[in-house]
Protein backbone atom coordinates (compact mmCIF):
# COMPACT_ATOMS: atom_id res chain seq x y z
CA MET A 1 8.55 -36.23 9.30
CA ALA A 2 4.96 -36.81 10.39
CA ALA A 3 2.68 -33.79 10.15
CA LYS A 4 1.47 -32.29 13.42
CA LEU A 5 -1.86 -30.60 14.08
CA LEU A 6 -2.09 -27.31 15.87
CA PRO A 7 -4.35 -27.49 18.90
CA SER A 8 -7.92 -26.17 18.67
CA PRO A 9 -11.15 -27.30 20.33
CA ASP A 10 -11.92 -29.80 17.55
CA GLY A 11 -8.43 -30.22 16.12
CA ILE A 12 -9.11 -27.99 13.10
CA TYR A 13 -9.80 -24.35 12.22
CA ASP A 14 -12.52 -22.98 10.00
CA VAL A 15 -10.18 -20.46 8.40
CA VAL A 16 -6.44 -20.00 8.13
CA ILE A 17 -5.22 -16.53 7.13
CA VAL A 18 -1.84 -16.55 5.36
CA GLY A 19 -0.03 -13.32 6.19
CA GLY A 20 -0.56 -10.94 9.09
CA GLY A 21 -0.60 -7.61 7.27
CA HIS A 22 -3.37 -5.13 7.97
CA ASN A 23 -5.72 -6.81 5.47
CA GLY A 24 -5.09 -10.26 6.92
CA LEU A 25 -5.79 -8.98 10.43
CA VAL A 26 -8.98 -7.21 9.31
CA CYS A 27 -10.19 -10.37 7.58
CA GLY A 28 -9.35 -12.53 10.59
CA ALA A 29 -10.99 -10.17 13.08
CA LEU A 30 -14.24 -9.97 11.09
CA LEU A 31 -14.46 -13.73 10.58
CA ALA A 32 -13.75 -14.35 14.26
CA GLN A 33 -16.47 -11.82 15.09
CA ALA A 34 -18.82 -14.05 13.06
CA ARG A 35 -17.87 -16.95 15.38
CA MET A 36 -15.58 -18.75 12.96
CA ARG A 37 -12.43 -20.40 14.32
CA VAL A 38 -9.60 -18.37 12.81
CA LEU A 39 -5.83 -18.78 12.79
CA VAL A 40 -3.62 -15.99 11.40
CA LEU A 41 -0.13 -17.12 10.38
CA GLU A 42 2.65 -14.55 9.93
CA ALA A 43 6.03 -15.60 8.56
CA ARG A 44 7.99 -12.85 10.30
CA ASP A 45 8.38 -12.03 13.98
CA GLU A 46 6.08 -8.99 13.71
CA PHE A 47 2.63 -8.52 12.24
CA GLY A 48 1.94 -5.62 9.90
CA GLY A 49 3.23 -6.61 6.47
CA MET A 50 4.06 -3.54 4.40
CA ILE A 51 3.13 -1.21 7.28
CA GLY A 52 5.03 -3.28 9.84
CA GLU A 53 8.34 -2.11 11.24
CA THR A 54 11.87 -2.94 10.16
CA SER A 55 15.28 -1.88 11.40
CA LEU A 56 17.31 -0.39 8.55
CA VAL A 57 19.26 1.85 10.95
CA PRO A 58 20.72 0.19 14.08
CA GLY A 59 18.78 1.03 17.21
CA SER A 60 15.63 2.20 15.42
CA ARG A 61 12.50 0.66 13.98
CA THR A 62 10.49 2.46 11.31
CA PRO A 63 7.60 1.45 8.99
CA ALA A 64 8.63 -1.01 6.27
CA MET A 65 6.90 0.87 3.47
CA ALA A 66 3.74 2.86 4.22
CA PRO A 67 4.25 5.56 6.90
CA CYS A 68 0.92 7.28 6.04
CA LEU A 69 -2.59 5.83 6.19
CA SER A 70 -4.43 8.23 3.89
CA ALA A 71 -6.94 5.62 2.70
CA LEU A 72 -7.87 3.79 5.92
CA SER A 73 -11.57 2.90 5.95
CA ALA A 74 -13.47 4.72 8.65
CA ASP A 75 -16.15 2.02 8.53
CA ILE A 76 -13.63 -0.69 9.42
CA VAL A 77 -12.21 1.37 12.28
CA LYS A 78 -15.75 1.76 13.60
CA ALA A 79 -16.79 -1.87 13.04
CA LEU A 80 -13.75 -3.21 14.90
CA ARG A 81 -13.87 -0.40 17.49
CA LEU A 82 -10.16 0.22 17.04
CA HIS A 83 -10.20 3.40 19.12
CA ARG A 84 -10.77 1.14 22.14
CA PHE A 85 -7.29 -0.23 21.53
CA GLY A 86 -5.60 3.16 21.46
CA LEU A 87 -5.77 4.07 17.76
CA LYS A 88 -5.71 7.87 17.48
CA PHE A 89 -4.88 10.29 14.68
CA ALA A 90 -3.69 13.87 14.50
CA ALA A 91 -6.66 16.24 14.74
CA GLN A 92 -5.99 17.83 11.33
CA PRO A 93 -4.45 15.90 8.43
CA MET A 94 -1.73 17.67 6.48
CA ALA A 95 -1.94 17.89 2.71
CA PRO A 96 1.19 16.73 0.87
CA THR A 97 3.66 19.48 0.04
CA VAL A 98 5.22 19.13 -3.42
CA LEU A 99 8.64 20.69 -4.06
CA LEU A 100 9.06 21.33 -7.77
CA GLY A 101 12.29 21.59 -9.75
CA ASP A 102 11.96 25.38 -10.00
CA GLY A 103 12.00 25.66 -6.20
CA ARG A 104 8.31 26.30 -5.68
CA ALA A 105 6.38 24.55 -2.91
CA LEU A 106 2.72 23.73 -3.56
CA ALA A 107 0.13 21.87 -1.47
CA VAL A 108 -2.23 19.46 -3.23
CA THR A 109 -5.65 19.74 -1.59
CA ALA A 110 -9.19 20.95 -2.17
CA ASP A 111 -9.23 22.22 1.43
CA PRO A 112 -6.76 25.10 2.04
CA ARG A 113 -6.94 24.45 5.80
CA GLN A 114 -4.91 21.28 5.23
CA ALA A 115 -1.96 23.16 3.70
CA ALA A 116 1.01 24.25 5.78
CA PRO A 117 0.71 27.99 6.56
CA GLU A 118 3.57 29.10 4.31
CA VAL A 119 2.72 26.80 1.37
CA THR A 120 0.63 27.92 -1.61
CA VAL A 121 -2.27 25.66 -2.57
CA ALA A 122 -1.92 24.30 -6.12
CA ASP A 123 -4.80 25.97 -8.03
CA GLN A 124 -7.44 24.99 -5.46
CA PRO A 125 -10.40 25.98 -7.72
CA GLY A 126 -8.96 23.93 -10.59
CA TYR A 127 -8.28 20.95 -8.35
CA GLN A 128 -11.83 21.17 -7.03
CA ARG A 129 -13.12 21.22 -10.62
CA LEU A 130 -11.11 18.08 -11.33
CA LEU A 131 -12.56 16.27 -8.30
CA THR A 132 -16.09 17.41 -9.21
CA ARG A 133 -15.58 16.18 -12.77
CA MET A 134 -14.55 12.77 -11.45
CA LYS A 135 -17.07 12.49 -8.61
CA PRO A 136 -19.54 10.20 -10.47
CA HIS A 137 -16.73 7.75 -11.28
CA ILE A 138 -15.26 7.89 -7.78
CA THR A 139 -18.72 7.27 -6.28
CA ALA A 140 -19.34 4.30 -8.60
CA LEU A 141 -15.90 2.82 -7.97
CA ARG A 142 -16.28 3.24 -4.24
CA THR A 143 -19.43 1.10 -4.37
CA ILE A 144 -17.47 -1.52 -6.31
CA PHE A 145 -14.55 -1.38 -3.88
CA GLU A 146 -16.90 -2.10 -1.00
CA SER A 147 -18.47 -5.13 -2.72
CA PRO A 148 -16.96 -8.62 -2.42
CA GLY A 149 -18.07 -9.42 -5.96
CA GLY A 150 -16.26 -6.46 -7.52
CA VAL A 151 -17.29 -4.95 -10.84
CA PHE A 152 -19.65 -7.70 -11.95
CA SER A 153 -21.79 -7.62 -8.82
CA GLN A 154 -22.83 -4.01 -9.26
CA GLY A 155 -24.61 -3.94 -12.61
CA ARG A 156 -24.24 -0.67 -14.50
CA ILE A 157 -21.35 1.71 -13.90
CA ALA A 158 -22.13 5.42 -14.11
CA GLN A 159 -20.98 6.88 -17.45
CA PRO A 160 -19.19 3.69 -18.62
CA VAL A 161 -17.98 5.19 -21.92
CA ASP A 162 -16.38 8.15 -20.15
CA LEU A 163 -14.77 5.88 -17.54
CA THR A 164 -13.36 3.65 -20.28
CA ARG A 165 -11.88 6.72 -21.98
CA ILE A 166 -10.34 7.84 -18.70
CA GLY A 167 -8.98 4.34 -18.12
CA LEU A 168 -6.92 4.61 -21.30
CA MET A 169 -5.77 8.24 -21.11
CA PRO A 170 -2.73 9.91 -19.53
CA LEU A 171 -3.35 11.70 -16.25
CA THR A 172 -1.73 14.88 -17.57
CA GLU A 173 -4.53 15.17 -20.14
CA LEU A 174 -7.22 14.65 -17.51
CA ILE A 175 -5.69 17.26 -15.21
CA ALA A 176 -5.33 19.75 -18.08
CA GLU A 177 -9.10 19.64 -18.63
CA ALA A 178 -9.64 21.35 -15.24
CA VAL A 179 -6.37 22.92 -14.05
CA GLU A 180 -4.80 25.87 -15.85
CA SER A 181 -1.47 26.40 -14.08
CA GLU A 182 1.43 24.28 -15.35
CA ALA A 183 3.01 24.26 -11.89
CA ALA A 184 -0.26 23.12 -10.30
CA ARG A 185 -0.64 20.38 -12.92
CA ALA A 186 2.85 19.10 -12.11
CA ALA A 187 2.15 19.16 -8.35
CA ILE A 188 -1.15 17.27 -8.70
CA ALA A 189 0.49 14.70 -11.00
CA ALA A 190 3.32 14.15 -8.50
CA ASP A 191 0.97 12.71 -5.86
CA ALA A 192 -1.13 10.78 -8.34
CA CYS A 193 0.31 7.32 -8.83
CA PRO A 194 2.37 6.26 -5.79
CA GLY A 195 4.18 2.96 -6.04
CA ILE A 196 3.47 2.13 -9.69
CA ALA A 197 5.54 2.11 -12.88
CA ILE A 198 3.28 4.42 -14.86
CA ALA A 199 4.22 8.06 -15.43
CA PRO A 200 1.46 10.70 -15.43
CA THR A 201 2.13 11.21 -19.15
CA GLN A 202 1.39 7.58 -20.01
CA PRO A 203 -1.91 5.86 -20.87
CA GLY A 204 -3.50 4.22 -17.83
CA SER A 205 -2.22 6.79 -15.34
CA ALA A 206 -5.60 8.56 -15.19
CA LEU A 207 -7.20 5.28 -14.08
CA ALA A 208 -4.51 4.79 -11.42
CA TRP A 209 -5.17 8.29 -10.08
CA THR A 210 -8.93 7.67 -10.07
CA LEU A 211 -8.48 4.43 -8.11
CA TRP A 212 -6.23 6.26 -5.62
CA GLN A 213 -8.78 9.08 -5.17
CA THR A 214 -11.52 6.51 -4.66
CA MET A 215 -9.57 4.85 -1.85
CA LYS A 216 -8.90 8.19 -0.18
CA SER A 217 -12.59 9.13 -0.44
CA ASN A 218 -13.35 6.30 1.99
CA ALA A 219 -11.22 7.88 4.71
CA ARG A 220 -12.78 10.55 6.90
CA GLU A 221 -10.63 13.52 7.81
CA ALA A 222 -9.93 12.20 11.29
CA LEU A 223 -8.58 8.96 9.85
CA ALA A 224 -6.14 10.45 7.34
CA GLY A 225 -2.40 10.87 7.78
CA VAL A 226 0.00 9.44 10.32
CA PRO A 227 -1.54 7.85 13.43
CA ILE A 228 -0.09 8.79 16.79
CA GLY A 229 2.53 6.12 17.41
CA GLY A 230 2.97 5.48 13.67
CA PRO A 231 1.39 2.78 11.50
CA MET A 232 2.24 0.13 14.09
CA ALA A 233 -0.45 1.70 16.28
CA LEU A 234 -2.95 0.44 13.69
CA VAL A 235 -1.30 -2.99 13.60
CA ARG A 236 -1.40 -3.32 17.40
CA ALA A 237 -5.04 -2.26 17.48
CA LEU A 238 -5.93 -4.82 14.79
CA GLU A 239 -4.04 -7.56 16.66
CA GLN A 240 -5.98 -6.83 19.85
CA ALA A 241 -9.29 -6.59 18.00
CA ALA A 242 -8.72 -9.98 16.35
CA GLN A 243 -7.64 -11.67 19.58
CA GLU A 244 -10.53 -10.19 21.56
CA ARG A 245 -12.90 -11.77 19.04
CA GLY A 246 -11.26 -15.16 19.43
CA ALA A 247 -8.76 -15.31 16.54
CA VAL A 248 -5.44 -17.06 17.21
CA LEU A 249 -2.35 -15.16 16.02
CA ARG A 250 0.94 -16.89 15.40
CA ARG A 251 4.30 -15.35 14.48
CA ASN A 252 7.33 -16.99 12.81
CA ALA A 253 5.01 -19.40 11.02
CA LYS A 254 5.80 -19.36 7.31
CA VAL A 255 3.38 -21.25 5.09
CA ALA A 256 5.16 -23.52 2.61
CA ARG A 257 2.07 -24.62 0.70
CA VAL A 258 -1.69 -24.61 0.61
CA VAL A 259 -2.85 -28.22 0.80
CA VAL A 260 -5.38 -29.15 -1.90
CA GLU A 261 -7.07 -32.54 -2.01
CA TYR A 262 -9.75 -33.59 -4.50
CA ASP A 263 -9.64 -30.06 -5.99
CA ARG A 264 -10.47 -28.35 -2.70
CA VAL A 265 -8.48 -26.61 0.03
CA VAL A 266 -8.05 -28.71 3.17
CA GLY A 267 -5.44 -26.66 5.05
CA VAL A 268 -1.86 -25.41 4.92
CA GLU A 269 1.57 -26.86 5.57
CA LEU A 270 4.24 -24.82 7.30
CA GLU A 271 7.95 -24.93 6.71
CA GLY A 272 9.18 -27.89 8.72
CA GLY A 273 6.19 -30.05 7.85
CA GLU A 274 3.63 -28.92 10.41
CA ARG A 275 0.14 -29.11 8.91
CA VAL A 276 -2.92 -27.11 9.95
CA ILE A 277 -6.31 -28.43 8.87
CA ALA A 278 -8.84 -25.85 7.67
CA ARG A 279 -11.58 -25.91 5.08
CA ILE A 280 -10.95 -22.26 4.12
CA VAL A 281 -7.67 -20.44 3.44
CA ALA A 282 -7.48 -16.68 2.84
CA SER A 283 -4.13 -15.41 1.57
CA SER A 284 -2.97 -11.81 1.94
CA LEU A 285 -0.03 -12.55 -0.36
CA ASP A 286 -0.30 -11.59 -4.01
CA ARG A 287 -2.38 -13.76 -6.34
CA ALA A 288 0.60 -15.09 -8.33
CA THR A 289 2.56 -16.18 -5.25
CA THR A 290 -0.54 -17.72 -3.67
CA LEU A 291 -1.60 -19.73 -6.71
CA LEU A 292 1.72 -20.54 -8.41
CA SER A 293 3.94 -21.05 -5.35
CA LEU A 294 1.63 -22.11 -2.51
CA VAL A 295 -1.02 -24.03 -4.48
CA GLY A 296 1.02 -25.08 -7.52
CA PRO A 297 0.34 -25.01 -11.28
CA ARG A 298 -0.93 -28.60 -11.35
CA HIS A 299 -4.12 -27.46 -9.62
CA LEU A 300 -4.71 -24.60 -12.08
CA ASP A 301 -5.91 -24.17 -15.65
CA ILE A 302 -3.05 -23.68 -18.12
CA GLY A 303 -4.48 -20.34 -19.25
CA GLU A 304 -4.60 -19.08 -15.68
CA VAL A 305 -0.98 -20.11 -15.12
CA SER A 306 0.05 -18.21 -18.24
CA ASP A 307 -1.84 -15.08 -17.17
CA LEU A 308 -0.34 -15.13 -13.68
CA ARG A 309 3.19 -15.48 -15.03
CA ARG A 310 2.72 -12.55 -17.41
CA ALA A 311 1.29 -10.16 -14.82
CA PRO A 312 3.71 -7.26 -14.09
CA THR A 313 4.64 -7.35 -10.41
CA ALA A 314 8.15 -5.86 -10.19
CA GLY A 315 8.22 -3.10 -7.59
CA ASN A 316 9.93 0.21 -8.33
CA VAL A 317 10.20 1.80 -4.87
CA ALA A 318 13.26 1.73 -2.62
CA ARG A 319 13.11 2.70 1.04
CA LEU A 320 15.80 4.71 2.79
CA THR A 321 15.96 5.62 6.47
CA PHE A 322 18.13 8.55 7.48
CA ALA A 323 19.16 9.14 11.10
CA LEU A 324 19.91 12.88 11.36
CA SER A 325 21.57 15.01 14.01
CA ARG A 326 18.66 17.47 13.76
CA THR A 327 15.74 18.30 11.49
CA PRO A 328 16.89 19.70 8.11
CA ARG A 329 16.00 23.25 7.13
CA PHE A 330 14.19 23.44 3.83
CA LYS A 331 14.28 26.61 1.73
CA MET A 332 10.56 26.83 1.04
CA VAL A 333 8.89 25.03 3.97
CA THR A 334 9.15 25.24 7.75
CA ASP A 335 8.10 23.24 10.79
CA PRO A 336 4.40 22.60 10.06
CA ALA A 337 5.03 21.09 6.62
CA LEU A 338 7.73 18.81 8.03
CA LYS A 339 5.06 16.97 10.03
CA GLY A 340 3.35 15.86 6.81
CA ARG A 341 4.48 14.28 3.54
CA ILE A 342 6.94 16.15 1.36
CA LEU A 343 7.27 15.13 -2.29
CA ILE A 344 10.29 16.17 -4.34
CA ALA A 345 9.03 15.72 -7.86
CA PRO A 346 10.54 15.79 -11.33
CA SER A 347 8.25 17.01 -14.10
CA PRO A 348 5.79 14.45 -15.54
CA ALA A 349 7.94 14.15 -18.68
CA GLU A 350 11.07 13.58 -16.58
CA ARG A 351 9.27 10.86 -14.63
CA GLU A 352 8.50 9.05 -17.88
CA ALA A 353 12.19 9.20 -18.82
CA ASN A 354 13.21 8.03 -15.34
CA LEU A 355 10.86 5.05 -15.55
CA ALA A 356 12.29 4.12 -18.95
CA ALA A 357 15.76 4.22 -17.41
CA ALA A 358 14.58 2.05 -14.49
CA ALA A 359 13.14 -0.51 -16.92
CA ALA A 360 16.65 -0.81 -18.36
CA GLY A 361 18.17 -1.19 -14.88
CA ARG A 362 19.59 2.34 -14.74
CA ILE A 363 19.23 4.67 -11.75
CA ALA A 364 18.00 8.13 -12.71
CA THR A 365 16.81 10.90 -10.42
CA PRO A 366 13.88 9.36 -8.53
CA MET A 367 10.75 11.05 -7.25
CA LEU A 368 11.13 11.25 -3.47
CA GLU A 369 8.58 11.04 -0.69
CA LEU A 370 9.84 12.18 2.73
CA ILE A 371 8.09 11.38 6.00
CA SER A 372 9.33 12.32 9.46
CA HIS A 373 8.64 9.81 12.25
CA GLY A 374 7.94 12.29 15.00
CA ASP A 375 4.59 12.75 16.73
CA PRO A 376 2.29 14.61 14.27
CA GLY A 377 1.49 17.09 17.02
CA GLY A 378 4.96 17.28 18.52
CA ASP A 379 8.29 19.07 18.16
CA VAL A 380 9.98 18.58 14.76
CA ASP A 381 13.34 18.41 16.56
CA ALA A 382 12.28 15.66 18.98
CA PRO A 383 14.37 12.46 18.65
CA GLY A 384 11.72 10.58 16.65
CA ALA A 385 11.40 13.45 14.19
CA ARG A 386 15.09 13.11 13.34
CA MET A 387 14.38 9.71 11.80
CA VAL A 388 13.26 10.34 8.24
CA THR A 389 11.97 7.76 5.78
CA VAL A 390 12.54 8.52 2.11
CA LEU A 391 10.63 6.48 -0.45
CA ALA A 392 12.49 6.65 -3.75
CA HIS A 393 10.05 6.03 -6.60
CA ASP A 394 10.90 5.04 -10.19
CA VAL A 395 13.97 2.94 -9.40
CA PRO A 396 14.84 -0.39 -11.06
CA PHE A 397 13.84 -3.67 -9.47
CA GLU A 398 17.25 -5.03 -10.47
CA ALA A 399 20.02 -2.50 -11.00
CA ALA A 400 22.30 -2.97 -13.99
CA GLY A 401 25.57 -4.30 -12.59
CA GLY A 402 23.84 -5.35 -9.37
CA TRP A 403 22.60 -3.50 -6.31
CA ALA A 404 25.94 -3.81 -4.49
CA LYS A 405 27.16 -0.97 -6.69
CA GLY A 406 23.72 0.52 -7.35
CA LYS A 407 23.03 1.22 -3.68
CA GLU A 408 25.84 3.75 -3.45
CA GLU A 409 24.64 5.50 -6.61
CA LEU A 410 21.03 5.64 -5.38
CA ILE A 411 22.02 7.05 -1.97
CA THR A 412 24.10 9.72 -3.70
CA ARG A 413 21.26 10.72 -6.03
CA VAL A 414 18.72 10.82 -3.21
CA THR A 415 20.99 12.89 -0.95
CA GLN A 416 21.83 15.35 -3.73
CA THR A 417 18.18 15.75 -4.69
CA ILE A 418 17.13 16.53 -1.11
CA ALA A 419 20.07 18.93 -0.75
CA MET A 420 18.71 21.04 -3.62
CA HIS A 421 15.81 21.96 -1.31
CA ALA A 422 17.50 21.49 2.10
CA PRO A 423 21.20 22.41 1.66
CA ASP A 424 22.17 21.30 5.17
CA PHE A 425 20.75 17.78 4.74
CA PRO A 426 24.01 15.94 3.81
CA SER A 427 25.87 17.39 6.81
CA LEU A 428 23.18 16.14 9.21
CA ILE A 429 23.34 12.46 8.23
CA GLU A 430 24.54 10.16 11.00
CA SER A 431 23.58 6.82 9.44
CA ILE A 432 21.64 5.50 6.45
CA GLY A 433 19.66 2.32 5.87
CA LEU A 434 18.46 1.20 2.44
CA ALA A 435 16.10 -1.55 1.27
CA THR A 436 15.95 -2.09 -2.49
CA PRO A 437 12.82 -3.40 -4.26
CA ASP A 438 14.27 -6.91 -4.60
CA GLU A 439 15.16 -6.96 -0.89
CA MET A 440 11.63 -5.93 0.04
CA ALA A 441 10.28 -8.71 -2.17
CA ARG A 442 12.36 -11.28 -0.25
CA ASP A 443 11.43 -9.77 3.11
CA THR A 444 7.66 -9.57 2.55
CA GLY A 445 7.13 -12.65 0.37
CA ILE A 446 5.25 -10.49 -2.15
CA ALA A 447 6.20 -11.11 -5.79
CA GLY A 448 8.32 -8.18 -6.89
CA GLY A 449 7.87 -6.39 -3.55
CA HIS A 450 5.20 -4.32 -5.28
CA TRP A 451 3.21 -1.92 -3.07
CA HIS A 452 -0.05 -2.86 -4.72
CA HIS A 453 0.83 -6.48 -5.60
CA GLY A 454 0.82 -5.47 -9.28
CA GLU A 455 0.17 -2.64 -11.70
CA PRO A 456 -3.38 -1.20 -11.74
CA ASP A 457 -5.12 -1.48 -15.11
CA LEU A 458 -8.59 -2.23 -16.49
CA THR A 459 -7.88 -5.97 -16.83
CA ARG A 460 -6.81 -6.30 -13.21
CA LEU A 461 -9.70 -4.11 -12.06
CA LEU A 462 -12.19 -6.50 -13.65
CA ALA A 463 -10.56 -9.64 -12.22
CA ALA A 464 -9.73 -8.48 -8.70
CA THR A 465 -12.32 -10.32 -6.58
CA PRO A 466 -11.43 -12.25 -3.42
CA GLY A 467 -12.47 -15.55 -5.03
CA THR A 468 -10.08 -17.86 -6.86
CA SER A 469 -10.38 -20.89 -9.14
CA VAL A 470 -9.61 -23.19 -6.18
CA PRO A 471 -12.65 -23.91 -3.97
CA GLY A 472 -12.04 -22.76 -0.42
CA LEU A 473 -9.17 -20.40 -1.35
CA TYR A 474 -9.56 -16.62 -1.21
CA ILE A 475 -7.36 -13.54 -1.67
CA CYS A 476 -7.64 -11.06 1.20
CA GLY A 477 -4.70 -8.77 0.38
CA ALA A 478 -3.89 -5.97 -2.05
CA ASP A 479 -4.37 -8.20 -5.11
CA ALA A 480 -8.13 -7.92 -4.53
CA LEU A 481 -10.11 -4.69 -4.77
CA PRO A 482 -9.31 -1.90 -4.14
CA LEU A 483 -5.88 -2.98 -5.50
CA GLY A 484 -3.52 -1.59 -2.89
CA GLY A 485 -3.44 1.19 -0.37
CA VAL A 486 -3.88 0.90 3.38
CA SER A 487 -7.67 0.80 3.54
CA GLY A 488 -8.47 -2.65 4.96
CA LEU A 489 -11.22 -3.04 2.35
CA ALA A 490 -9.59 -6.05 0.68
CA GLY A 491 -9.62 -7.90 4.00
CA ARG A 492 -13.21 -6.91 4.71
CA ASN A 493 -14.37 -7.91 1.21
CA ALA A 494 -12.77 -11.34 1.55
CA ALA A 495 -14.44 -11.84 4.94
CA ARG A 496 -17.80 -10.85 3.49
CA MET A 497 -17.45 -13.24 0.55
CA ILE A 498 -16.43 -16.11 2.84
CA LEU A 499 -19.41 -15.48 5.12
CA ALA A 500 -21.79 -15.27 2.13
CA VAL A 501 -20.53 -18.61 0.78
CA GLU A 502 -20.80 -20.16 4.23
CA LYS A 503 -24.37 -18.93 4.57
CA ALA A 504 -25.28 -20.40 1.19
CA ARG A 505 -23.82 -23.78 2.25
CA ARG A 506 -26.16 -24.09 5.21
């Protein structure tokens, strides 16, 4: 079949963006704003990637993975003027409420105003001491996150010896240096490492928490939490911002390969043989999928191929959607807390045991993250609020004996765990939808379906720049700094690097 060219003024584009998640849209909008000819290709029928919508329960559409936007960059919202396209947030973000095994409910925040009225703040002075202790590292990492060149473009890091020590230590030890209460330590640890296979008791978890806090430090209060209309409100605003600046957006256009000739990118080929010519390709897929599957090992160094194949990318989060007859009644929290995130958390030691079980394919009691889909400022018993997403952390990527049997076991464990804190929950269930980690990997095209495109560690932190070994090919998704989260910084960093290289060419 002869390759076709997509129409453009000169028959080619300057840049093709592979994947229309939030980072891909940010990258495309910023490049189009710089007067580059940009085409964004999305394999599915909706843009949004991991914050896009899916239909796990018939008749409803809810976010695929990330219902909250606690790390969205205020600078990007301002630069793209997203409020012009209807993006609005609840006036006051709600701190996460952690339900512990002993029945206590604690809010994790340094600002008591963000806690639900009936919820006790988890050792607020101790938590503030912890944040103050880490402020120099968070400030330094934030500068790195906002730089296209990553770590090596910034020269010295503040207190490098201390940061290296933190990068290798368990989070529980770091928290214990500032927080006295055991219950508060457990609550803070529960919201520390979302979406990764590292327990707070394990080495490397302190670094993961520090990276997460750095991302959240880039989000102003007004930009934290659930946007009015859900995460798709952000996606729609980014679509309009990109199109207004001249970018072309195309759905149902799955890229089969990145075309490389004479060791340089010359475009992409879609499934079905259609070829789009472009001298630059920016991929919002993970680095391993981009380089091993779309480019191909023959264009890479053998050492790089080996490193990419060894990188841990298996996701450990399942997503459940419950349609309920009404809002459940929790023992320790009432209406205000139900408009924010609720975490039902095992102890840090139990999480380590659960992750070990997941590594062996067994389903233990997962850590749960509950998010209602109602309007943040509305009635908790409104129809939308009766759709609840539950993110089940610390589950196996592949269940022993297969997920056909494992799904039933996971639903039972999740339902029983919620019922310990909301006894009426099982009786309210009208329908349930479940997406396992392997299903999310197939649906998103991300290796392992991993939230952050891989586990955060010092090695990945040092290597996570938008550039690749293939001239003209860039990474604009979560496999570039800041390594996950819904911030948009990875897309902006890729755009900045592309523009800097283009300027140097002239």
